[in-house]
């Protein structure tokens, strides 16, 4: 028991927790932006996969790493546009359309991989982002190795939390996004174009999701392989509810899940001979469900979430 608790005091544990949390931060942030505008995006799992594949493939064929991130974001925005066109002006079911986007994006990614690399038996490797040491801060005890020796995409994810939180809370653009997610009729009465704002928010949110996928192939790993997303998109949807649609709470939720995941890996090394490893794999999901149940009771979701809006409707 004491040995398990000592894990929580090591810098390597917290460094791993932040690294594991990074795609969840980006995916949760993207889903949060979509839902704040009133659109549920269940295409996140497929968009993660498309971002991972497209970013990796761009780098594999000669692009630099940041260009790979940009390619992933553009691919994510394209799938977000497709989702938004069906759900915003056409008013189709956001649940059905989102699941369709997940199937389309995932299948298209796997198909493209097989077409471009038909004879590959093992995933080709690239040179991923390397961890960056922040001068003067990376040498601090505990928090130095944990926070200030991460890859650039982790720092980007944290910076985007700050940007999105500021935009949503402090800028006219953020106010309009929240308005179309709370009361689109009142927003239209003020001269706002509800359709344009919702479509733009879904595209921006989907781009963030795809960058979360690109983190897996360009930072966490150095290759693309099937099923690598492994349900991360669905976890992000739950984390949005856990966060009550607040970017700062989204950061906390992602870090919490990352810590649970990093903890179970280390617990396997301690008690793996006694307890079946499946119990450890289940641990972060069980703890996350428990936290979600507690937090969701106080969650205040956007009033117009998942409700199609018809222009001129009152």
C-alpha atoms as a PDB file:
ATOM      1  CA  UNK A   1       0.000   0.000   0.000  1.00  0.00           C
ATOM      2  CA  UNK A   2       2.784   2.393   0.941  1.00  0.00           C
ATOM      3  CA  UNK A   3       4.625   1.605  -2.273  1.00  0.00           C
ATOM      4  CA  UNK A   4       1.490   2.438  -4.278  1.00  0.00           C
ATOM      5  CA  UNK A   5       1.119   5.791  -2.527  1.00  0.00           C
ATOM      6  CA  UNK A   6       4.779   6.610  -3.164  1.00  0.00           C
ATOM      7  CA  UNK A   7       3.986   6.548  -6.893  1.00  0.00           C
ATOM      8  CA  UNK A   8       2.038   9.796  -6.452  1.00  0.00           C
ATOM      9  CA  UNK A   9       5.153  11.608  -5.225  1.00  0.00           C
ATOM     10  CA  UNK A  10       7.349  10.884  -8.248  1.00  0.00           C
ATOM     11  CA  UNK A  11       7.977  13.326 -11.082  1.00  0.00           C
ATOM     12  CA  UNK A  12       7.843  10.551 -13.691  1.00  0.00           C
ATOM     13  CA  UNK A  13       4.273   9.705 -12.651  1.00  0.00           C
ATOM     14  CA  UNK A  14       3.027  13.281 -13.074  1.00  0.00           C
ATOM     15  CA  UNK A  15       4.972  13.704 -16.309  1.00  0.00           C
ATOM     16  CA  UNK A  16       3.241  10.590 -17.663  1.00  0.00           C
ATOM     17  CA  UNK A  17      -0.145  11.831 -16.409  1.00  0.00           C
ATOM     18  CA  UNK A  18       0.221  15.121 -18.288  1.00  0.00           C
ATOM     19  CA  UNK A  19       1.441  13.348 -21.414  1.00  0.00           C
ATOM     20  CA  UNK A  20      -1.492  10.905 -21.352  1.00  0.00           C
ATOM     21  CA  UNK A  21      -3.904  13.782 -20.656  1.00  0.00           C
ATOM     22  CA  UNK A  22      -2.798  15.870 -23.664  1.00  0.00           C
ATOM     23  CA  UNK A  23      -5.062  14.285 -26.334  1.00  0.00           C
ATOM     24  CA  UNK A  24      -7.933  14.371 -23.855  1.00  0.00           C
ATOM     25  CA  UNK A  25      -7.333  18.074 -23.255  1.00  0.00           C
ATOM     26  CA  UNK A  26      -7.464  18.816 -26.980  1.00  0.00           C
ATOM     27  CA  UNK A  27     -10.428  16.542 -27.688  1.00  0.00           C
ATOM     28  CA  UNK A  28     -12.445  17.781 -24.705  1.00  0.00           C
ATOM     29  CA  UNK A  29     -11.715  21.372 -25.646  1.00  0.00           C
ATOM     30  CA  UNK A  30     -12.885  20.750 -29.212  1.00  0.00           C
ATOM     31  CA  UNK A  31     -16.082  19.030 -28.104  1.00  0.00           C
ATOM     32  CA  UNK A  32     -16.718  21.813 -25.587  1.00  0.00           C
ATOM     33  CA  UNK A  33     -16.530  24.481 -28.304  1.00  0.00           C
ATOM     34  CA  UNK A  34     -19.005  22.536 -30.463  1.00  0.00           C
ATOM     35  CA  UNK A  35     -21.454  22.017 -27.627  1.00  0.00           C
ATOM     36  CA  UNK A  36     -21.226  25.594 -26.385  1.00  0.00           C
ATOM     37  CA  UNK A  37     -22.590  26.540 -29.804  1.00  0.00           C
ATOM     38  CA  UNK A  38     -25.419  24.012 -29.423  1.00  0.00           C
ATOM     39  CA  UNK A  39     -24.077  21.115 -31.536  1.00  0.00           C
ATOM     40  CA  UNK A  40     -23.208  17.680 -30.157  1.00  0.00           C
ATOM     41  CA  UNK A  41     -20.342  16.202 -32.172  1.00  0.00           C
ATOM     42  CA  UNK A  42     -20.277  12.422 -31.875  1.00  0.00           C
ATOM     43  CA  UNK A  43     -17.890  12.354 -34.831  1.00  0.00           C
ATOM     44  CA  UNK A  44     -15.012  12.964 -32.429  1.00  0.00           C
ATOM     45  CA  UNK A  45     -13.745   9.370 -32.401  1.00  0.00           C
ATOM     46  CA  UNK A  46     -13.444   9.304 -36.194  1.00  0.00           C
ATOM     47  CA  UNK A  47     -11.987  12.818 -36.313  1.00  0.00           C
ATOM     48  CA  UNK A  48      -9.320  11.709 -33.834  1.00  0.00           C
ATOM     49  CA  UNK A  49      -8.442   8.846 -36.169  1.00  0.00           C
ATOM     50  CA  UNK A  50      -8.412  11.064 -39.263  1.00  0.00           C
ATOM     51  CA  UNK A  51      -6.184  13.611 -37.523  1.00  0.00           C
ATOM     52  CA  UNK A  52      -3.768  10.917 -36.388  1.00  0.00           C
ATOM     53  CA  UNK A  53      -3.511   9.365 -39.852  1.00  0.00           C
ATOM     54  CA  UNK A  54      -3.370  12.560 -41.937  1.00  0.00           C
ATOM     55  CA  UNK A  55      -0.843  14.308 -39.711  1.00  0.00           C
ATOM     56  CA  UNK A  56       1.407  11.255 -39.641  1.00  0.00           C
ATOM     57  CA  UNK A  57       1.127  10.652 -43.390  1.00  0.00           C
ATOM     58  CA  UNK A  58       1.994  14.277 -44.195  1.00  0.00           C
ATOM     59  CA  UNK A  59       5.192  13.961 -42.141  1.00  0.00           C
ATOM     60  CA  UNK A  60       5.968  10.508 -43.546  1.00  0.00           C
ATOM     61  CA  UNK A  61       5.923  11.950 -47.068  1.00  0.00           C
ATOM     62  CA  UNK A  62       8.285  14.795 -46.252  1.00  0.00           C
ATOM     63  CA  UNK A  63       6.403  17.573 -44.435  1.00  0.00           C
ATOM     64  CA  UNK A  64       7.751  18.975 -41.187  1.00  0.00           C
ATOM     65  CA  UNK A  65       6.006  18.161 -37.923  1.00  0.00           C
ATOM     66  CA  UNK A  66       4.124  21.461 -37.585  1.00  0.00           C
ATOM     67  CA  UNK A  67       2.865  21.118 -41.145  1.00  0.00           C
ATOM     68  CA  UNK A  68       1.602  17.694 -40.140  1.00  0.00           C
ATOM     69  CA  UNK A  69      -0.296  19.296 -37.259  1.00  0.00           C
ATOM     70  CA  UNK A  70      -1.767  21.857 -39.672  1.00  0.00           C
ATOM     71  CA  UNK A  71      -2.818  19.132 -42.125  1.00  0.00           C
ATOM     72  CA  UNK A  72      -4.528  17.247 -39.307  1.00  0.00           C
ATOM     73  CA  UNK A  73      -6.370  20.399 -38.211  1.00  0.00           C
ATOM     74  CA  UNK A  74      -7.582  21.062 -41.763  1.00  0.00           C
ATOM     75  CA  UNK A  75      -8.801  17.487 -42.164  1.00  0.00           C
ATOM     76  CA  UNK A  76     -10.614  17.754 -38.837  1.00  0.00           C
ATOM     77  CA  UNK A  77     -12.196  21.043 -39.861  1.00  0.00           C
ATOM     78  CA  UNK A  78     -13.374  19.446 -43.127  1.00  0.00           C
ATOM     79  CA  UNK A  79     -15.151  16.646 -41.269  1.00  0.00           C
ATOM     80  CA  UNK A  80     -16.527  19.245 -38.864  1.00  0.00           C
ATOM     81  CA  UNK A  81     -17.919  21.202 -41.810  1.00  0.00           C
ATOM     82  CA  UNK A  82     -19.604  18.063 -43.139  1.00  0.00           C
ATOM     83  CA  UNK A  83     -21.147  17.354 -39.744  1.00  0.00           C
ATOM     84  CA  UNK A  84     -22.277  20.971 -39.348  1.00  0.00           C
ATOM     85  CA  UNK A  85     -23.870  21.154 -42.806  1.00  0.00           C
ATOM     86  CA  UNK A  86     -26.060  18.162 -42.015  1.00  0.00           C
ATOM     87  CA  UNK A  87     -26.995  19.191 -38.486  1.00  0.00           C
ATOM     88  CA  UNK A  88     -27.231  23.011 -38.597  1.00  0.00           C
ATOM     89  CA  UNK A  89     -29.001  24.211 -41.786  1.00  0.00           C
ATOM     90  CA  UNK A  90     -30.588  20.814 -42.539  1.00  0.00           C
ATOM     91  CA  UNK A  91     -31.452  20.093 -38.910  1.00  0.00           C
ATOM     92  CA  UNK A  92     -30.725  16.358 -39.071  1.00  0.00           C
ATOM     93  CA  UNK A  93     -30.168  14.278 -35.952  1.00  0.00           C
ATOM     94  CA  UNK A  94     -26.894  15.242 -34.316  1.00  0.00           C
ATOM     95  CA  UNK A  95     -26.567  11.763 -32.813  1.00  0.00           C
ATOM     96  CA  UNK A  96     -26.994   9.881 -36.083  1.00  0.00           C
ATOM     97  CA  UNK A  97     -24.903  12.315 -38.116  1.00  0.00           C
ATOM     98  CA  UNK A  98     -22.102  12.264 -35.556  1.00  0.00           C
ATOM     99  CA  UNK A  99     -21.945   8.474 -35.523  1.00  0.00           C
ATOM    100  CA  UNK A 100     -21.947   8.562 -39.329  1.00  0.00           C
ATOM    101  CA  UNK A 101     -18.996  10.962 -39.310  1.00  0.00           C
ATOM    102  CA  UNK A 102     -17.130   8.642 -36.937  1.00  0.00           C
ATOM    103  CA  UNK A 103     -17.690   5.677 -39.250  1.00  0.00           C
ATOM    104  CA  UNK A 104     -16.818   7.703 -42.353  1.00  0.00           C
ATOM    105  CA  UNK A 105     -13.665   9.314 -40.941  1.00  0.00           C
ATOM    106  CA  UNK A 106     -12.378   6.071 -39.433  1.00  0.00           C
ATOM    107  CA  UNK A 107     -13.046   4.006 -42.545  1.00  0.00           C
ATOM    108  CA  UNK A 108     -11.627   6.683 -44.858  1.00  0.00           C
ATOM    109  CA  UNK A 109      -8.459   6.846 -42.750  1.00  0.00           C
ATOM    110  CA  UNK A 110      -7.923   3.091 -42.816  1.00  0.00           C
ATOM    111  CA  UNK A 111      -8.750   2.905 -46.522  1.00  0.00           C
ATOM    112  CA  UNK A 112      -6.332   5.727 -47.377  1.00  0.00           C
ATOM    113  CA  UNK A 113      -3.583   4.084 -45.334  1.00  0.00           C
ATOM    114  CA  UNK A 114      -4.053   0.784 -47.174  1.00  0.00           C
ATOM    115  CA  UNK A 115      -4.223   2.422 -50.591  1.00  0.00           C
ATOM    116  CA  UNK A 116      -1.122   4.563 -50.080  1.00  0.00           C
ATOM    117  CA  UNK A 117       0.886   1.862 -48.290  1.00  0.00           C
ATOM    118  CA  UNK A 118      -0.506  -1.426 -49.650  1.00  0.00           C
ATOM    119  CA  UNK A 119       2.533  -3.617 -48.977  1.00  0.00           C
ATOM    120  CA  UNK A 120       3.373  -2.429 -45.464  1.00  0.00           C
ATOM    121  CA  UNK A 121       3.268  -5.141 -42.801  1.00  0.00           C
ATOM    122  CA  UNK A 122       4.618  -3.081 -39.894  1.00  0.00           C
ATOM    123  CA  UNK A 123       3.801   0.632 -39.397  1.00  0.00           C
ATOM    124  CA  UNK A 124       6.518   2.884 -40.860  1.00  0.00           C
ATOM    125  CA  UNK A 125       8.218   5.190 -38.365  1.00  0.00           C
ATOM    126  CA  UNK A 126       8.793   8.935 -38.364  1.00  0.00           C
ATOM    127  CA  UNK A 127      10.814  11.228 -36.131  1.00  0.00           C
ATOM    128  CA  UNK A 128       8.243  12.648 -33.666  1.00  0.00           C
ATOM    129  CA  UNK A 129       8.307  15.800 -31.563  1.00  0.00           C
ATOM    130  CA  UNK A 130      11.032  15.598 -28.932  1.00  0.00           C
ATOM    131  CA  UNK A 131      10.506  16.727 -25.317  1.00  0.00           C
ATOM    132  CA  UNK A 132      11.541  20.337 -24.685  1.00  0.00           C
ATOM    133  CA  UNK A 133      13.381  21.466 -21.583  1.00  0.00           C
ATOM    134  CA  UNK A 134      12.262  24.930 -20.474  1.00  0.00           C
ATOM    135  CA  UNK A 135      15.430  26.741 -19.308  1.00  0.00           C
ATOM    136  CA  UNK A 136      15.404  27.488 -15.600  1.00  0.00           C
ATOM    137  CA  UNK A 137      12.118  25.646 -14.984  1.00  0.00           C
ATOM    138  CA  UNK A 138      12.879  22.077 -16.041  1.00  0.00           C
ATOM    139  CA  UNK A 139      15.395  21.782 -13.181  1.00  0.00           C
ATOM    140  CA  UNK A 140      12.839  22.563 -10.465  1.00  0.00           C
ATOM    141  CA  UNK A 141      12.210  19.630  -8.118  1.00  0.00           C
ATOM    142  CA  UNK A 142       9.163  17.489  -8.973  1.00  0.00           C
ATOM    143  CA  UNK A 143       7.275  20.044 -11.116  1.00  0.00           C
ATOM    144  CA  UNK A 144      10.269  20.644 -13.394  1.00  0.00           C
ATOM    145  CA  UNK A 145      10.450  17.150 -14.931  1.00  0.00           C
ATOM    146  CA  UNK A 146       6.659  16.763 -14.670  1.00  0.00           C
ATOM    147  CA  UNK A 147       5.592  19.938 -16.476  1.00  0.00           C
ATOM    148  CA  UNK A 148       8.575  21.539 -18.160  1.00  0.00           C
ATOM    149  CA  UNK A 149      10.020  18.547 -20.016  1.00  0.00           C
ATOM    150  CA  UNK A 150       7.071  17.847 -22.317  1.00  0.00           C
ATOM    151  CA  UNK A 151       6.699  17.904 -26.095  1.00  0.00           C
ATOM    152  CA  UNK A 152       5.537  21.082 -27.902  1.00  0.00           C
ATOM    153  CA  UNK A 153       2.010  19.738 -28.487  1.00  0.00           C
ATOM    154  CA  UNK A 154       1.466  19.424 -24.739  1.00  0.00           C
ATOM    155  CA  UNK A 155       2.401  23.079 -24.297  1.00  0.00           C
ATOM    156  CA  UNK A 156       0.116  23.918 -27.221  1.00  0.00           C
ATOM    157  CA  UNK A 157      -2.772  22.092 -25.532  1.00  0.00           C
ATOM    158  CA  UNK A 158      -2.291  24.060 -22.304  1.00  0.00           C
ATOM    159  CA  UNK A 159      -2.023  27.325 -24.237  1.00  0.00           C
ATOM    160  CA  UNK A 160      -5.234  26.523 -26.116  1.00  0.00           C
ATOM    161  CA  UNK A 161      -7.052  26.024 -22.812  1.00  0.00           C
ATOM    162  CA  UNK A 162      -6.098  29.582 -21.869  1.00  0.00           C
ATOM    163  CA  UNK A 163      -7.090  30.945 -25.285  1.00  0.00           C
ATOM    164  CA  UNK A 164     -10.465  29.187 -25.450  1.00  0.00           C
ATOM    165  CA  UNK A 165     -11.320  30.061 -21.851  1.00  0.00           C
ATOM    166  CA  UNK A 166     -10.512  33.724 -22.524  1.00  0.00           C
ATOM    167  CA  UNK A 167     -12.373  33.845 -25.847  1.00  0.00           C
ATOM    168  CA  UNK A 168     -15.523  32.229 -24.454  1.00  0.00           C
ATOM    169  CA  UNK A 169     -15.621  34.325 -21.294  1.00  0.00           C
ATOM    170  CA  UNK A 170     -14.145  37.675 -22.272  1.00  0.00           C
ATOM    171  CA  UNK A 171     -14.666  38.419 -25.957  1.00  0.00           C
ATOM    172  CA  UNK A 172     -17.640  39.339 -28.185  1.00  0.00           C
ATOM    173  CA  UNK A 173     -16.978  36.212 -30.267  1.00  0.00           C
ATOM    174  CA  UNK A 174     -17.247  34.035 -27.182  1.00  0.00           C
ATOM    175  CA  UNK A 175     -20.442  35.774 -26.158  1.00  0.00           C
ATOM    176  CA  UNK A 176     -22.010  35.116 -29.571  1.00  0.00           C
ATOM    177  CA  UNK A 177     -20.969  31.441 -29.505  1.00  0.00           C
ATOM    178  CA  UNK A 178     -22.545  31.018 -26.085  1.00  0.00           C
ATOM    179  CA  UNK A 179     -25.630  32.933 -27.234  1.00  0.00           C
ATOM    180  CA  UNK A 180     -26.359  30.600 -30.157  1.00  0.00           C
ATOM    181  CA  UNK A 181     -25.942  27.646 -27.801  1.00  0.00           C
ATOM    182  CA  UNK A 182     -28.270  29.065 -25.167  1.00  0.00           C
ATOM    183  CA  UNK A 183     -30.931  30.998 -27.054  1.00  0.00           C
ATOM    184  CA  UNK A 184     -30.464  31.065 -30.839  1.00  0.00           C
ATOM    185  CA  UNK A 185     -33.742  32.948 -31.420  1.00  0.00           C
ATOM    186  CA  UNK A 186     -32.571  35.817 -29.201  1.00  0.00           C
ATOM    187  CA  UNK A 187     -29.180  35.743 -30.904  1.00  0.00           C
ATOM    188  CA  UNK A 188     -30.812  36.025 -34.335  1.00  0.00           C
ATOM    189  CA  UNK A 189     -32.949  38.906 -33.055  1.00  0.00           C
ATOM    190  CA  UNK A 190     -29.699  40.734 -32.295  1.00  0.00           C
ATOM    191  CA  UNK A 191     -28.608  40.343 -35.920  1.00  0.00           C
ATOM    192  CA  UNK A 192     -26.353  37.316 -35.459  1.00  0.00           C
ATOM    193  CA  UNK A 193     -26.189  34.590 -38.099  1.00  0.00           C
ATOM    194  CA  UNK A 194     -26.875  31.462 -36.047  1.00  0.00           C
ATOM    195  CA  UNK A 195     -25.987  29.053 -38.849  1.00  0.00           C
ATOM    196  CA  UNK A 196     -22.620  30.656 -39.597  1.00  0.00           C
ATOM    197  CA  UNK A 197     -21.630  30.804 -35.944  1.00  0.00           C
ATOM    198  CA  UNK A 198     -22.585  27.202 -35.268  1.00  0.00           C
ATOM    199  CA  UNK A 199     -20.843  25.925 -38.396  1.00  0.00           C
ATOM    200  CA  UNK A 200     -17.699  27.896 -37.557  1.00  0.00           C
ATOM    201  CA  UNK A 201     -17.688  26.617 -33.969  1.00  0.00           C
ATOM    202  CA  UNK A 202     -18.054  22.994 -35.095  1.00  0.00           C
ATOM    203  CA  UNK A 203     -15.232  23.395 -37.606  1.00  0.00           C
ATOM    204  CA  UNK A 204     -12.934  24.974 -35.007  1.00  0.00           C
ATOM    205  CA  UNK A 205     -13.808  22.342 -32.422  1.00  0.00           C
ATOM    206  CA  UNK A 206     -13.242  19.525 -34.907  1.00  0.00           C
ATOM    207  CA  UNK A 207      -9.834  20.971 -35.809  1.00  0.00           C
ATOM    208  CA  UNK A 208      -8.873  20.792 -32.124  1.00  0.00           C
ATOM    209  CA  UNK A 209     -10.056  17.183 -31.968  1.00  0.00           C
ATOM    210  CA  UNK A 210      -7.910  16.284 -34.973  1.00  0.00           C
ATOM    211  CA  UNK A 211      -4.853  17.888 -33.369  1.00  0.00           C
ATOM    212  CA  UNK A 212      -5.543  15.636 -30.389  1.00  0.00           C
ATOM    213  CA  UNK A 213      -5.374  12.689 -32.777  1.00  0.00           C
ATOM    214  CA  UNK A 214      -2.201  14.044 -34.362  1.00  0.00           C
ATOM    215  CA  UNK A 215      -0.601  14.115 -30.905  1.00  0.00           C
ATOM    216  CA  UNK A 216      -0.795  10.320 -30.843  1.00  0.00           C
ATOM    217  CA  UNK A 217       1.210   9.841 -34.044  1.00  0.00           C
ATOM    218  CA  UNK A 218       3.460  12.917 -33.957  1.00  0.00           C
ATOM    219  CA  UNK A 219       4.302  13.066 -30.267  1.00  0.00           C
ATOM    220  CA  UNK A 220       3.193  10.123 -28.108  1.00  0.00           C
ATOM    221  CA  UNK A 221       4.151   7.522 -30.742  1.00  0.00           C
ATOM    222  CA  UNK A 222       5.976   7.676 -34.060  1.00  0.00           C
ATOM    223  CA  UNK A 223       3.651   5.654 -36.292  1.00  0.00           C
ATOM    224  CA  UNK A 224       0.009   5.187 -37.223  1.00  0.00           C
ATOM    225  CA  UNK A 225      -1.711   1.892 -36.558  1.00  0.00           C
ATOM    226  CA  UNK A 226      -5.320   0.766 -36.569  1.00  0.00           C
ATOM    227  CA  UNK A 227      -7.420   1.178 -33.412  1.00  0.00           C
ATOM    228  CA  UNK A 228      -4.805   3.444 -31.835  1.00  0.00           C
ATOM    229  CA  UNK A 229      -7.438   6.016 -30.774  1.00  0.00           C
ATOM    230  CA  UNK A 230      -8.979   3.329 -28.549  1.00  0.00           C
ATOM    231  CA  UNK A 231     -12.075   5.200 -27.415  1.00  0.00           C
ATOM    232  CA  UNK A 232     -10.394   8.451 -26.450  1.00  0.00           C
ATOM    233  CA  UNK A 233     -13.047  10.437 -28.304  1.00  0.00           C
ATOM    234  CA  UNK A 234     -15.860   8.921 -26.267  1.00  0.00           C
ATOM    235  CA  UNK A 235     -13.989   9.714 -23.048  1.00  0.00           C
ATOM    236  CA  UNK A 236     -13.724  13.346 -24.175  1.00  0.00           C
ATOM    237  CA  UNK A 237     -17.504  13.570 -24.547  1.00  0.00           C
ATOM    238  CA  UNK A 238     -17.883  12.389 -20.951  1.00  0.00           C
ATOM    239  CA  UNK A 239     -15.212  14.836 -19.790  1.00  0.00           C
ATOM    240  CA  UNK A 240     -17.192  17.759 -21.246  1.00  0.00           C
ATOM    241  CA  UNK A 241     -20.080  16.849 -18.956  1.00  0.00           C
ATOM    242  CA  UNK A 242     -17.662  16.369 -16.052  1.00  0.00           C
ATOM    243  CA  UNK A 243     -16.311  19.865 -16.744  1.00  0.00           C
ATOM    244  CA  UNK A 244     -19.783  21.443 -16.906  1.00  0.00           C
ATOM    245  CA  UNK A 245     -18.729  23.012 -20.240  1.00  0.00           C
ATOM    246  CA  UNK A 246     -15.933  24.973 -18.513  1.00  0.00           C
ATOM    247  CA  UNK A 247     -12.459  24.903 -20.153  1.00  0.00           C
ATOM    248  CA  UNK A 248     -10.592  25.003 -16.838  1.00  0.00           C
ATOM    249  CA  UNK A 249     -12.600  22.115 -15.433  1.00  0.00           C
ATOM    250  CA  UNK A 250     -11.979  20.304 -18.720  1.00  0.00           C
ATOM    251  CA  UNK A 251      -8.247  20.597 -18.026  1.00  0.00           C
ATOM    252  CA  UNK A 252      -8.799  19.206 -14.532  1.00  0.00           C
ATOM    253  CA  UNK A 253     -10.887  16.306 -15.852  1.00  0.00           C
ATOM    254  CA  UNK A 254      -8.320  15.397 -18.506  1.00  0.00           C
ATOM    255  CA  UNK A 255      -5.499  15.495 -15.956  1.00  0.00           C
ATOM    256  CA  UNK A 256      -7.545  13.363 -13.581  1.00  0.00           C
ATOM    257  CA  UNK A 257      -8.128  10.703 -16.229  1.00  0.00           C
ATOM    258  CA  UNK A 258      -4.462  10.866 -17.276  1.00  0.00           C
ATOM    259  CA  UNK A 259      -3.409  10.364 -13.658  1.00  0.00           C
ATOM    260  CA  UNK A 260      -5.752   7.375 -13.272  1.00  0.00           C
ATOM    261  CA  UNK A 261      -4.311   5.818 -16.424  1.00  0.00           C
ATOM    262  CA  UNK A 262      -0.688   6.421 -15.428  1.00  0.00           C
ATOM    263  CA  UNK A 263      -1.433   5.073 -11.949  1.00  0.00           C
ATOM    264  CA  UNK A 264      -2.910   1.799 -13.195  1.00  0.00           C
ATOM    265  CA  UNK A 265       0.163   1.128 -15.347  1.00  0.00           C
ATOM    266  CA  UNK A 266       2.404   1.444 -12.291  1.00  0.00           C
ATOM    267  CA  UNK A 267       0.063  -0.581 -10.106  1.00  0.00           C
ATOM    268  CA  UNK A 268       0.377  -3.454 -12.580  1.00  0.00           C
ATOM    269  CA  UNK A 269       4.113  -3.512 -11.910  1.00  0.00           C
ATOM    270  CA  UNK A 270       3.504  -3.715  -8.164  1.00  0.00           C
ATOM    271  CA  UNK A 271       0.570  -6.104  -7.903  1.00  0.00           C
ATOM    272  CA  UNK A 272       0.301  -7.579 -11.386  1.00  0.00           C
ATOM    273  CA  UNK A 273       1.213 -11.052 -10.143  1.00  0.00           C
ATOM    274  CA  UNK A 274      -1.664 -11.031  -7.639  1.00  0.00           C
ATOM    275  CA  UNK A 275      -4.466  -9.123  -9.371  1.00  0.00           C
ATOM    276  CA  UNK A 276      -5.492  -9.761 -13.023  1.00  0.00           C
ATOM    277  CA  UNK A 277      -4.227  -6.994 -15.287  1.00  0.00           C
ATOM    278  CA  UNK A 278      -7.761  -6.413 -16.632  1.00  0.00           C
ATOM    279  CA  UNK A 279      -8.711  -4.989 -13.245  1.00  0.00           C
ATOM    280  CA  UNK A 280      -6.023  -2.345 -13.602  1.00  0.00           C
ATOM    281  CA  UNK A 281      -7.063  -1.506 -17.156  1.00  0.00           C
ATOM    282  CA  UNK A 282     -10.614  -1.002 -15.897  1.00  0.00           C
ATOM    283  CA  UNK A 283      -9.538   1.282 -13.027  1.00  0.00           C
ATOM    284  CA  UNK A 284      -9.278   4.676 -14.830  1.00  0.00           C
ATOM    285  CA  UNK A 285     -12.650   4.162 -16.530  1.00  0.00           C
ATOM    286  CA  UNK A 286     -14.386   3.093 -13.317  1.00  0.00           C
ATOM    287  CA  UNK A 287     -12.976   6.053 -11.389  1.00  0.00           C
ATOM    288  CA  UNK A 288     -13.888   8.418 -14.222  1.00  0.00           C
ATOM    289  CA  UNK A 289     -17.475   7.131 -14.265  1.00  0.00           C
ATOM    290  CA  UNK A 290     -17.703   7.700 -10.524  1.00  0.00           C
ATOM    291  CA  UNK A 291     -16.375  11.256 -10.875  1.00  0.00           C
ATOM    292  CA  UNK A 292     -18.745  11.882 -13.800  1.00  0.00           C
ATOM    293  CA  UNK A 293     -21.771  10.765 -11.769  1.00  0.00           C
ATOM    294  CA  UNK A 294     -20.849  13.136  -8.958  1.00  0.00           C
ATOM    295  CA  UNK A 295     -20.111  16.143 -11.171  1.00  0.00           C
ATOM    296  CA  UNK A 296     -22.908  15.718 -13.731  1.00  0.00           C
ATOM    297  CA  UNK A 297     -25.597  16.290 -11.133  1.00  0.00           C
ATOM    298  CA  UNK A 298     -24.531  19.929 -10.970  1.00  0.00           C
ATOM    299  CA  UNK A 299     -23.800  20.299 -14.685  1.00  0.00           C
ATOM    300  CA  UNK A 300     -25.565  23.202 -16.428  1.00  0.00           C
ATOM    301  CA  UNK A 301     -25.644  22.242 -20.097  1.00  0.00           C
ATOM    302  CA  UNK A 302     -26.323  24.783 -22.886  1.00  0.00           C
ATOM    303  CA  UNK A 303     -30.097  25.199 -23.195  1.00  0.00           C
ATOM    304  CA  UNK A 304     -30.171  24.791 -26.989  1.00  0.00           C
ATOM    305  CA  UNK A 305     -27.778  21.832 -27.120  1.00  0.00           C
ATOM    306  CA  UNK A 306     -28.926  19.252 -29.718  1.00  0.00           C
ATOM    307  CA  UNK A 307     -31.983  21.352 -30.617  1.00  0.00           C
ATOM    308  CA  UNK A 308     -32.102  22.179 -34.373  1.00  0.00           C
ATOM    309  CA  UNK A 309     -32.832  25.821 -35.119  1.00  0.00           C
ATOM    310  CA  UNK A 310     -34.862  27.109 -38.064  1.00  0.00           C
ATOM    311  CA  UNK A 311     -34.175  30.676 -39.145  1.00  0.00           C
ATOM    312  CA  UNK A 312     -36.992  33.009 -38.239  1.00  0.00           C
ATOM    313  CA  UNK A 313     -38.312  30.575 -35.623  1.00  0.00           C
ATOM    314  CA  UNK A 314     -39.553  32.120 -32.374  1.00  0.00           C
END
